[in-house]
Amino acid sequence: MGGDVQVVVTAVKVALIAFVILAGLLYSHPASAVVSVPLPAAPPLFAGFIAAMVGALWAYDGWNNVGMVASEVKNPQRNLPLALIGGTLGVIAIYMLANWAYFRVLSPGEVGAHKLVAAEMMQRIFSSRGAAAGSAGASAVSIAAMISIFAALNGSILTGARVPYAAARDGLFFRSAARVHPAFHTPGVSILMLAAWSSVLVLSGKYEELFDFVIFGSWILYAMAAAAVFVLRRTRPDLPRPYKTFGYPAVPLLFLAGATVLEISTLLTKPRESIAGIVLILLGLPFYFYWRRRAPQQDSRRPGNPA
């Protein structure tokens, strides 16, 4: 059911974004090339680029979530690479078209001056039909944003809850997180744990601080996952490899280099959020080693173990 809901709300979300894009591209009075609103002060080039990249990476984050439900994917050897690569290319296309529409209707200064760029664009397009129509256009974007947020939350719950569940099944987390609800067949305890921790984070800071915090911590783990490709090629050459890493070793090396630059720059420009992310990861190590020592004793009692 969670997957079906995700498909439906994603289809609705993409349809609404397509409407916004078409409205911008078909607008009959494109913005003048002259900047009518002064551009906001920009940070130094490199720092500004990294800051912009953090925001972009937040927008794209979620590309990896399908891997969390890999055990529930049919024919994963084929469908996982298709979903990851095809989904990312689709999102790139949508973002590029959306930005083309924004800059066709609004000048660069206007885009820089407004946080709700899509709403401002739609208000501009529909305001030619009256103030009420302009407000309706902006409201339509708000509705689309709420649907988009719901889709993101549903996807995060659907995929994110599988991580504590899988760790618990391996004996590396609270055993209760491995319970499957008898009626709904979902990792119910893990979902509740995820919801509780998410609520703590929501109440702990501002939106911008949270995504800086999340992106910094996430990309440490993404870099470790990419580095594991090299480690496993050397230490476990016997493992089956249904998917060959494209462009190995250049592509994963470029990924690691980019992740390193991102992490160092974020640490220098956003030290508070970065240090908080590092501390949170380090706080998990004592628990990991504790459960790691106990894991061999719990293997025979793990949920799903035939023994």
Protein backbone atom coordinates (compact mmCIF):
# COMPACT_ATOMS: atom_id res chain seq x y z
CA MET A 1 0.00 0.00 0.00
CA GLY A 2 2.84 2.38 0.83
CA GLY A 3 4.33 1.82 -2.62
CA ASP A 4 0.98 2.36 -4.35
CA VAL A 5 0.43 5.62 -2.44
CA GLN A 6 3.92 6.75 -3.44
CA VAL A 7 3.25 6.07 -7.12
CA VAL A 8 -0.04 8.01 -7.06
CA VAL A 9 1.22 11.09 -5.20
CA THR A 10 4.40 11.20 -7.29
CA ALA A 11 2.33 11.13 -10.49
CA VAL A 12 0.14 13.96 -9.17
CA LYS A 13 3.22 15.93 -8.08
CA VAL A 14 4.94 15.59 -11.46
CA ALA A 15 1.72 16.56 -13.27
CA LEU A 16 1.43 19.74 -11.17
CA ILE A 17 5.09 20.61 -11.76
CA ALA A 18 4.55 20.04 -15.48
CA PHE A 19 1.65 22.52 -15.37
CA VAL A 20 3.88 25.13 -13.69
CA ILE A 21 6.64 24.53 -16.26
CA LEU A 22 4.25 24.83 -19.22
CA ALA A 23 2.71 27.99 -17.77
CA GLY A 24 6.16 29.57 -17.62
CA LEU A 25 7.36 28.40 -21.02
CA LEU A 26 4.15 29.50 -22.77
CA TYR A 27 3.97 32.90 -21.04
CA SER A 28 3.64 35.59 -23.69
CA HIS A 29 5.58 38.33 -21.88
CA PRO A 30 9.01 36.93 -21.00
CA ALA A 31 11.24 38.83 -18.58
CA SER A 32 13.48 41.56 -19.92
CA ALA A 33 17.17 40.82 -20.18
CA VAL A 34 17.74 43.90 -18.02
CA VAL A 35 17.88 43.07 -14.30
CA SER A 36 14.98 45.06 -12.81
CA VAL A 37 15.75 44.07 -9.21
CA PRO A 38 19.28 44.37 -7.77
CA LEU A 39 20.95 41.02 -7.32
CA PRO A 40 21.53 40.06 -3.68
CA ALA A 41 25.07 40.22 -2.37
CA ALA A 42 26.90 37.02 -3.27
CA PRO A 43 29.59 35.27 -1.21
CA PRO A 44 33.02 34.57 -2.75
CA LEU A 45 32.77 32.37 -5.85
CA PHE A 46 33.94 29.05 -4.41
CA ALA A 47 32.06 29.41 -1.11
CA GLY A 48 28.96 30.50 -2.99
CA PHE A 49 29.22 27.52 -5.33
CA ILE A 50 29.50 25.06 -2.43
CA ALA A 51 26.60 26.73 -0.60
CA ALA A 52 24.47 26.46 -3.72
CA MET A 53 25.55 22.85 -4.21
CA VAL A 54 24.45 21.95 -0.66
CA GLY A 55 20.99 23.30 -1.44
CA ALA A 56 20.92 21.41 -4.73
CA LEU A 57 22.08 18.20 -3.08
CA TRP A 58 19.27 18.57 -0.55
CA ALA A 59 16.80 18.89 -3.43
CA TYR A 60 18.22 15.73 -5.06
CA ASP A 61 18.64 13.79 -1.82
CA GLY A 62 16.55 10.65 -1.84
CA TRP A 63 18.15 9.19 -4.97
CA ASN A 64 19.58 6.45 -2.74
CA ASN A 65 16.36 5.59 -0.89
CA VAL A 66 15.33 2.81 -3.26
CA GLY A 67 18.36 0.84 -2.07
CA MET A 68 16.83 0.69 1.40
CA VAL A 69 13.90 -1.36 0.10
CA ALA A 70 16.02 -3.49 -2.21
CA SER A 71 14.82 -6.71 -0.58
CA GLU A 72 11.25 -5.84 -1.61
CA VAL A 73 12.08 -4.98 -5.23
CA LYS A 74 11.30 -7.49 -7.96
CA ASN A 75 14.33 -8.42 -10.09
CA PRO A 76 16.63 -6.01 -8.21
CA GLN A 77 19.65 -6.75 -10.41
CA ARG A 78 17.83 -5.05 -13.28
CA ASN A 79 15.35 -2.71 -11.60
CA LEU A 80 17.58 -1.09 -8.97
CA PRO A 81 20.09 0.42 -11.47
CA LEU A 82 17.18 1.46 -13.73
CA ALA A 83 15.39 3.16 -10.83
CA LEU A 84 18.51 4.92 -9.52
CA ILE A 85 19.85 6.10 -12.87
CA GLY A 86 16.51 6.71 -14.59
CA GLY A 87 15.01 8.46 -11.56
CA THR A 88 18.00 10.78 -11.17
CA LEU A 89 17.97 11.68 -14.88
CA GLY A 90 14.24 12.36 -14.66
CA VAL A 91 14.70 14.69 -11.70
CA ILE A 92 17.53 16.52 -13.51
CA ALA A 93 15.23 17.09 -16.50
CA ILE A 94 12.38 18.37 -14.30
CA TYR A 95 14.65 20.80 -12.41
CA MET A 96 16.24 22.13 -15.59
CA LEU A 97 12.86 22.72 -17.24
CA ALA A 98 11.50 24.36 -14.08
CA ASN A 99 14.45 26.76 -13.91
CA TRP A 100 14.08 27.54 -17.61
CA ALA A 101 10.47 28.49 -16.90
CA TYR A 102 11.39 30.61 -13.85
CA PHE A 103 14.03 32.62 -15.70
CA ARG A 104 11.77 33.09 -18.70
CA VAL A 105 9.14 34.87 -16.58
CA LEU A 106 11.33 36.49 -13.90
CA SER A 107 14.60 38.37 -14.15
CA PRO A 108 17.67 37.02 -12.33
CA GLY A 109 17.30 39.76 -9.71
CA GLU A 110 13.68 38.79 -9.07
CA VAL A 111 14.60 35.12 -8.77
CA GLY A 112 17.31 36.01 -6.27
CA ALA A 113 15.01 38.27 -4.27
CA HIS A 114 12.20 35.74 -3.71
CA LYS A 115 12.34 32.55 -1.68
CA LEU A 116 9.10 31.24 -3.22
CA VAL A 117 10.16 31.56 -6.85
CA ALA A 118 7.50 29.26 -8.34
CA ALA A 119 4.70 31.06 -6.48
CA GLU A 120 6.02 34.44 -7.62
CA MET A 121 6.19 33.20 -11.22
CA MET A 122 2.62 31.89 -11.20
CA GLN A 123 1.35 35.09 -9.58
CA ARG A 124 3.05 37.09 -12.32
CA ILE A 125 1.55 34.91 -15.06
CA PHE A 126 -2.03 34.99 -13.75
CA SER A 127 -2.03 38.59 -12.49
CA SER A 128 -2.73 39.77 -16.05
CA ARG A 129 -6.22 38.36 -15.50
CA GLY A 130 -6.71 40.24 -12.26
CA ALA A 131 -5.42 40.26 -8.70
CA ALA A 132 -7.67 37.37 -7.70
CA ALA A 133 -6.31 35.23 -10.52
CA GLY A 134 -2.76 36.08 -9.49
CA SER A 135 -3.43 34.97 -5.90
CA ALA A 136 -5.06 31.78 -7.22
CA GLY A 137 -1.94 31.02 -9.25
CA ALA A 138 0.28 31.41 -6.20
CA SER A 139 -2.12 29.27 -4.13
CA ALA A 140 -1.96 26.51 -6.76
CA VAL A 141 1.81 26.35 -6.23
CA SER A 142 1.27 26.09 -2.47
CA ILE A 143 -1.05 23.12 -3.01
CA ALA A 144 1.53 21.49 -5.29
CA ALA A 145 4.20 22.08 -2.62
CA MET A 146 2.07 20.40 0.06
CA ILE A 147 1.49 17.38 -2.19
CA SER A 148 5.22 17.27 -2.90
CA ILE A 149 6.00 17.36 0.84
CA PHE A 150 3.51 14.55 1.49
CA ALA A 151 5.11 12.46 -1.24
CA ALA A 152 8.58 13.07 0.21
CA LEU A 153 7.41 12.16 3.72
CA ASN A 154 5.69 9.00 2.53
CA GLY A 155 8.79 7.94 0.61
CA SER A 156 11.06 8.70 3.56
CA ILE A 157 8.89 6.69 5.95
CA LEU A 158 8.58 3.81 3.48
CA THR A 159 12.33 3.56 2.92
CA GLY A 160 13.97 5.05 6.01
CA ALA A 161 12.23 2.72 8.46
CA ARG A 162 13.89 -0.25 6.73
CA VAL A 163 17.33 0.82 8.00
CA PRO A 164 16.73 0.34 11.77
CA TYR A 165 14.69 -2.75 10.86
CA ALA A 166 17.57 -4.29 8.91
CA ALA A 167 20.12 -3.34 11.59
CA ALA A 168 17.94 -4.94 14.25
CA ARG A 169 17.63 -8.13 12.20
CA ASP A 170 21.43 -8.26 12.05
CA GLY A 171 21.59 -7.86 15.84
CA LEU A 172 23.02 -4.32 15.62
CA PHE A 173 20.07 -2.37 17.02
CA PHE A 174 17.20 -2.73 19.50
CA ARG A 175 15.56 -6.10 18.79
CA SER A 176 12.10 -4.53 18.95
CA ALA A 177 12.88 -2.56 15.75
CA ALA A 178 12.89 -5.87 13.84
CA ARG A 179 9.25 -6.60 14.65
CA VAL A 180 6.85 -6.79 11.71
CA HIS A 181 3.27 -5.72 12.36
CA PRO A 182 1.03 -8.82 12.17
CA ALA A 183 -1.81 -7.03 10.35
CA PHE A 184 -0.08 -4.42 8.17
CA HIS A 185 3.17 -6.34 7.50
CA THR A 186 5.26 -3.21 8.09
CA PRO A 187 8.20 -2.58 10.46
CA GLY A 188 5.85 -0.74 12.81
CA VAL A 189 8.22 -0.23 15.74
CA SER A 190 10.95 1.07 13.42
CA ILE A 191 8.48 3.53 11.85
CA LEU A 192 7.52 4.86 15.30
CA MET A 193 11.20 5.23 16.26
CA LEU A 194 11.88 7.11 13.02
CA ALA A 195 8.87 9.38 13.60
CA ALA A 196 9.97 10.18 17.18
CA TRP A 197 13.53 11.05 16.16
CA SER A 198 12.30 13.12 13.20
CA SER A 199 10.06 15.10 15.55
CA VAL A 200 13.05 15.87 17.78
CA LEU A 201 15.01 17.14 14.76
CA VAL A 202 12.09 19.25 13.49
CA LEU A 203 11.88 21.01 16.86
CA SER A 204 15.65 21.46 17.17
CA GLY A 205 16.41 24.10 14.55
CA LYS A 206 15.55 26.04 11.44
CA TYR A 207 14.96 24.42 8.07
CA GLU A 208 18.22 25.71 6.54
CA GLU A 209 20.21 24.53 9.56
CA LEU A 210 18.62 21.10 9.37
CA PHE A 211 19.40 20.49 5.72
CA ASP A 212 23.01 21.66 6.19
CA PHE A 213 23.23 19.25 9.12
CA VAL A 214 21.65 16.37 7.16
CA ILE A 215 23.63 16.87 3.95
CA PHE A 216 26.94 17.03 5.82
CA GLY A 217 26.24 13.83 7.75
CA SER A 218 24.75 12.02 4.76
CA TRP A 219 27.69 12.71 2.48
CA ILE A 220 30.13 11.27 4.99
CA LEU A 221 28.17 8.03 4.70
CA TYR A 222 27.81 8.28 0.91
CA ALA A 223 31.59 8.69 0.61
CA MET A 224 32.13 5.65 2.84
CA ALA A 225 29.75 3.63 0.65
CA ALA A 226 31.65 4.65 -2.49
CA ALA A 227 34.98 3.82 -0.83
CA ALA A 228 33.58 0.39 0.04
CA VAL A 229 33.54 -0.40 -3.69
CA PHE A 230 37.35 -0.31 -3.72
CA VAL A 231 37.63 -2.20 -0.43
CA LEU A 232 35.27 -5.01 -1.50
CA ARG A 233 36.94 -5.36 -4.91
CA ARG A 234 40.16 -6.14 -3.05
CA THR A 235 38.93 -8.07 0.00
CA ARG A 236 35.95 -9.95 -1.50
CA PRO A 237 36.67 -10.69 -5.17
CA ASP A 238 34.43 -13.77 -4.83
CA LEU A 239 31.20 -11.78 -4.29
CA PRO A 240 28.61 -11.87 -7.10
CA ARG A 241 28.48 -8.53 -8.92
CA PRO A 242 25.31 -8.31 -11.02
CA TYR A 243 25.95 -4.59 -11.60
CA LYS A 244 29.38 -3.38 -12.70
CA THR A 245 30.30 0.12 -11.50
CA PHE A 246 30.17 2.41 -14.54
CA GLY A 247 33.54 3.99 -15.32
CA TYR A 248 35.39 2.19 -12.52
CA PRO A 249 37.70 3.39 -11.00
CA ALA A 250 37.41 6.97 -12.36
CA VAL A 251 33.74 7.55 -11.50
CA PRO A 252 33.89 6.47 -7.83
CA LEU A 253 37.19 8.38 -7.43
CA LEU A 254 35.54 11.55 -8.78
CA PHE A 255 32.62 10.97 -6.42
CA LEU A 256 34.99 10.65 -3.45
CA ALA A 257 36.90 13.79 -4.49
CA GLY A 258 33.68 15.78 -4.80
CA ALA A 259 32.40 14.51 -1.45
CA THR A 260 35.70 15.44 0.24
CA VAL A 261 35.63 18.99 -1.15
CA LEU A 262 31.99 19.38 -0.10
CA GLU A 263 32.64 18.14 3.44
CA ILE A 264 35.73 20.29 4.03
CA SER A 265 34.06 23.43 2.64
CA THR A 266 30.89 22.86 4.68
CA LEU A 267 32.97 22.27 7.80
CA LEU A 268 34.70 25.63 7.27
CA THR A 269 31.59 27.65 6.37
CA LYS A 270 29.01 25.91 8.60
CA PRO A 271 31.08 24.66 11.55
CA ARG A 272 28.20 24.37 14.03
CA GLU A 273 25.99 22.18 11.83
CA SER A 274 28.99 20.17 10.60
CA ILE A 275 30.34 19.45 14.06
CA ALA A 276 26.84 18.49 15.22
CA GLY A 277 26.68 15.95 12.39
CA ILE A 278 30.09 14.51 13.25
CA VAL A 279 29.22 14.28 16.96
CA LEU A 280 25.93 12.53 16.21
CA ILE A 281 27.70 9.93 14.07
CA LEU A 282 30.40 9.39 16.71
CA LEU A 283 27.77 8.98 19.43
CA GLY A 284 26.52 5.95 17.58
CA LEU A 285 29.86 4.13 17.68
CA PRO A 286 29.69 2.90 21.32
CA PHE A 287 26.22 1.46 20.65
CA TYR A 288 27.45 -0.16 17.44
CA PHE A 289 30.38 -1.86 19.17
CA TYR A 290 28.13 -2.96 22.05
CA TRP A 291 25.64 -4.60 19.72
CA ARG A 292 28.45 -5.93 17.52
CA ARG A 293 29.84 -7.89 20.47
CA ARG A 294 26.41 -9.32 21.22
CA ALA A 295 25.42 -9.99 17.61
CA PRO A 296 26.91 -13.51 17.31
CA GLN A 297 24.93 -14.57 20.39
CA GLN A 298 21.72 -13.18 18.91
CA ASP A 299 22.05 -14.62 15.39
CA SER A 300 19.99 -17.73 16.18
CA ARG A 301 17.20 -15.60 17.63
CA ARG A 302 16.97 -13.01 14.88
CA PRO A 303 13.49 -12.59 13.34
CA GLY A 304 13.29 -14.45 10.07
CA ASN A 305 16.14 -16.87 10.95
CA PRO A 306 15.02 -20.44 10.14
CA ALA A 307 16.61 -21.63 13.41
